[in-house]
Amino acid sequence: MLVPDSKVVRGLLTRYASLQIALAERETPERVRELEDVSYTLCIMMGTRSVFDAISAADALLVAEAGVVGAQESDGESGLPVPA
């Protein structure tokens, strides 16, 4: 199974949240359409049928990736990053 690029996923989540806020302030047809596009893209990228499932899957992906990155950067004992 292909794993989506975390930077792209993070960008889509940010755009989704920004559009939700913008729509709450003032709904326009352009914003509604863009939110639909972002929602659809998130669903396709995360392999889900609902945007809420896509957001959950995206969050899980980012959390899992952060755990892997954190484990690679720690010294193995204290869990603190090793100075470069």
C-alpha atoms as a PDB file:
ATOM      1  CA  MET A   1       0.000   0.000   0.000  1.00  0.00           C
ATOM      2  CA  LEU A   2       1.257   3.483  -0.828  1.00  0.00           C
ATOM      3  CA  VAL A   3       1.758   5.860   2.068  1.00  0.00           C
ATOM      4  CA  PRO A   4       0.927   9.510   1.369  1.00  0.00           C
ATOM      5  CA  ASP A   5       3.621  12.152   1.767  1.00  0.00           C
ATOM      6  CA  SER A   6       3.209  13.644   5.230  1.00  0.00           C
ATOM      7  CA  LYS A   7       3.954  17.169   4.003  1.00  0.00           C
ATOM      8  CA  VAL A   8       1.114  16.943   1.480  1.00  0.00           C
ATOM      9  CA  VAL A   9      -1.237  15.490   4.103  1.00  0.00           C
ATOM     10  CA  ARG A  10      -0.320  18.212   6.585  1.00  0.00           C
ATOM     11  CA  GLY A  11      -0.940  20.855   3.923  1.00  0.00           C
ATOM     12  CA  LEU A  12      -4.351  19.416   3.081  1.00  0.00           C
ATOM     13  CA  LEU A  13      -5.348  19.293   6.751  1.00  0.00           C
ATOM     14  CA  THR A  14      -4.260  22.897   7.180  1.00  0.00           C
ATOM     15  CA  ARG A  15      -6.176  23.965   4.087  1.00  0.00           C
ATOM     16  CA  TYR A  16      -9.270  22.052   5.242  1.00  0.00           C
ATOM     17  CA  ALA A  17      -9.200  23.770   8.649  1.00  0.00           C
ATOM     18  CA  SER A  18      -8.622  27.200   7.091  1.00  0.00           C
ATOM     19  CA  LEU A  19     -11.539  26.729   4.728  1.00  0.00           C
ATOM     20  CA  GLN A  20     -13.813  25.615   7.564  1.00  0.00           C
ATOM     21  CA  ILE A  21     -12.972  28.818   9.420  1.00  0.00           C
ATOM     22  CA  ALA A  22     -13.411  30.950   6.294  1.00  0.00           C
ATOM     23  CA  LEU A  23     -16.811  29.380   5.624  1.00  0.00           C
ATOM     24  CA  ALA A  24     -17.918  30.049   9.180  1.00  0.00           C
ATOM     25  CA  GLU A  25     -17.027  33.707   8.687  1.00  0.00           C
ATOM     26  CA  ARG A  26     -18.550  34.092   5.226  1.00  0.00           C
ATOM     27  CA  GLU A  27     -19.813  31.402   2.887  1.00  0.00           C
ATOM     28  CA  THR A  28     -19.090  31.853  -0.803  1.00  0.00           C
ATOM     29  CA  PRO A  29     -19.569  29.392  -3.672  1.00  0.00           C
ATOM     30  CA  GLU A  30     -15.815  29.421  -4.313  1.00  0.00           C
ATOM     31  CA  ARG A  31     -14.989  28.472  -0.732  1.00  0.00           C
ATOM     32  CA  VAL A  32     -17.624  25.748  -0.694  1.00  0.00           C
ATOM     33  CA  ARG A  33     -16.207  24.288  -3.907  1.00  0.00           C
ATOM     34  CA  GLU A  34     -12.639  24.456  -2.638  1.00  0.00           C
ATOM     35  CA  LEU A  35     -13.631  22.733   0.612  1.00  0.00           C
ATOM     36  CA  GLU A  36     -15.329  19.998  -1.422  1.00  0.00           C
ATOM     37  CA  ASP A  37     -12.155  19.591  -3.496  1.00  0.00           C
ATOM     38  CA  VAL A  38      -9.887  19.419  -0.440  1.00  0.00           C
ATOM     39  CA  SER A  39     -12.255  16.973   1.279  1.00  0.00           C
ATOM     40  CA  TYR A  40     -12.343  14.748  -1.805  1.00  0.00           C
ATOM     41  CA  THR A  41      -8.559  14.819  -2.122  1.00  0.00           C
ATOM     42  CA  LEU A  42      -8.127  13.899   1.556  1.00  0.00           C
ATOM     43  CA  CYS A  43     -10.539  10.973   1.134  1.00  0.00           C
ATOM     44  CA  ILE A  44      -8.740   9.670  -1.944  1.00  0.00           C
ATOM     45  CA  MET A  45      -5.294  10.125  -0.437  1.00  0.00           C
ATOM     46  CA  MET A  46      -6.230   8.397   2.819  1.00  0.00           C
ATOM     47  CA  GLY A  47      -8.377   5.675   1.204  1.00  0.00           C
ATOM     48  CA  THR A  48     -11.602   6.590   2.993  1.00  0.00           C
ATOM     49  CA  ARG A  49     -15.153   7.499   2.006  1.00  0.00           C
ATOM     50  CA  SER A  50     -15.860  10.228   4.537  1.00  0.00           C
ATOM     51  CA  VAL A  51     -13.847  13.330   5.275  1.00  0.00           C
ATOM     52  CA  PHE A  52     -14.049  12.630   9.013  1.00  0.00           C
ATOM     53  CA  ASP A  53     -12.476   9.193   8.485  1.00  0.00           C
ATOM     54  CA  ALA A  54      -9.863  10.802   6.225  1.00  0.00           C
ATOM     55  CA  ILE A  55      -8.965  13.352   8.886  1.00  0.00           C
ATOM     56  CA  SER A  56      -8.653  10.604  11.512  1.00  0.00           C
ATOM     57  CA  ALA A  57      -6.463   8.531   9.201  1.00  0.00           C
ATOM     58  CA  ALA A  58      -4.330  11.561   8.348  1.00  0.00           C
ATOM     59  CA  ASP A  59      -3.879  12.405  12.024  1.00  0.00           C
ATOM     60  CA  ALA A  60      -2.887   8.808  12.764  1.00  0.00           C
ATOM     61  CA  LEU A  61      -0.383   8.857   9.901  1.00  0.00           C
ATOM     62  CA  LEU A  62       1.215  12.060  11.157  1.00  0.00           C
ATOM     63  CA  VAL A  63       1.339  10.823  14.758  1.00  0.00           C
ATOM     64  CA  ALA A  64       2.897   7.518  13.666  1.00  0.00           C
ATOM     65  CA  GLU A  65       5.444   9.308  11.542  1.00  0.00           C
ATOM     66  CA  ALA A  66       6.303  11.681  14.384  1.00  0.00           C
ATOM     67  CA  GLY A  67       6.907   8.650  16.612  1.00  0.00           C
ATOM     68  CA  VAL A  68       9.252   7.112  14.058  1.00  0.00           C
ATOM     69  CA  VAL A  69      11.156  10.365  13.581  1.00  0.00           C
ATOM     70  CA  GLY A  70      11.346  10.885  17.338  1.00  0.00           C
ATOM     71  CA  ALA A  71      12.659   7.353  17.859  1.00  0.00           C
ATOM     72  CA  GLN A  72      15.346   7.853  15.228  1.00  0.00           C
ATOM     73  CA  GLU A  73      16.512  11.104  16.780  1.00  0.00           C
ATOM     74  CA  SER A  74      16.609   9.959  20.408  1.00  0.00           C
ATOM     75  CA  ASP A  75      19.575   8.498  22.204  1.00  0.00           C
ATOM     76  CA  GLY A  76      17.545   5.450  23.181  1.00  0.00           C
ATOM     77  CA  GLU A  77      17.749   5.969  26.912  1.00  0.00           C
ATOM     78  CA  SER A  78      16.191   9.252  27.940  1.00  0.00           C
ATOM     79  CA  GLY A  79      14.138   9.766  24.786  1.00  0.00           C
ATOM     80  CA  LEU A  80      15.739  13.191  24.402  1.00  0.00           C
ATOM     81  CA  PRO A  81      17.180  14.262  21.065  1.00  0.00           C
ATOM     82  CA  VAL A  82      20.873  13.739  20.558  1.00  0.00           C
ATOM     83  CA  PRO A  83      22.634  17.063  19.906  1.00  0.00           C
ATOM     84  CA  ALA A  84      24.027  17.374  16.395  1.00  0.00           C
END
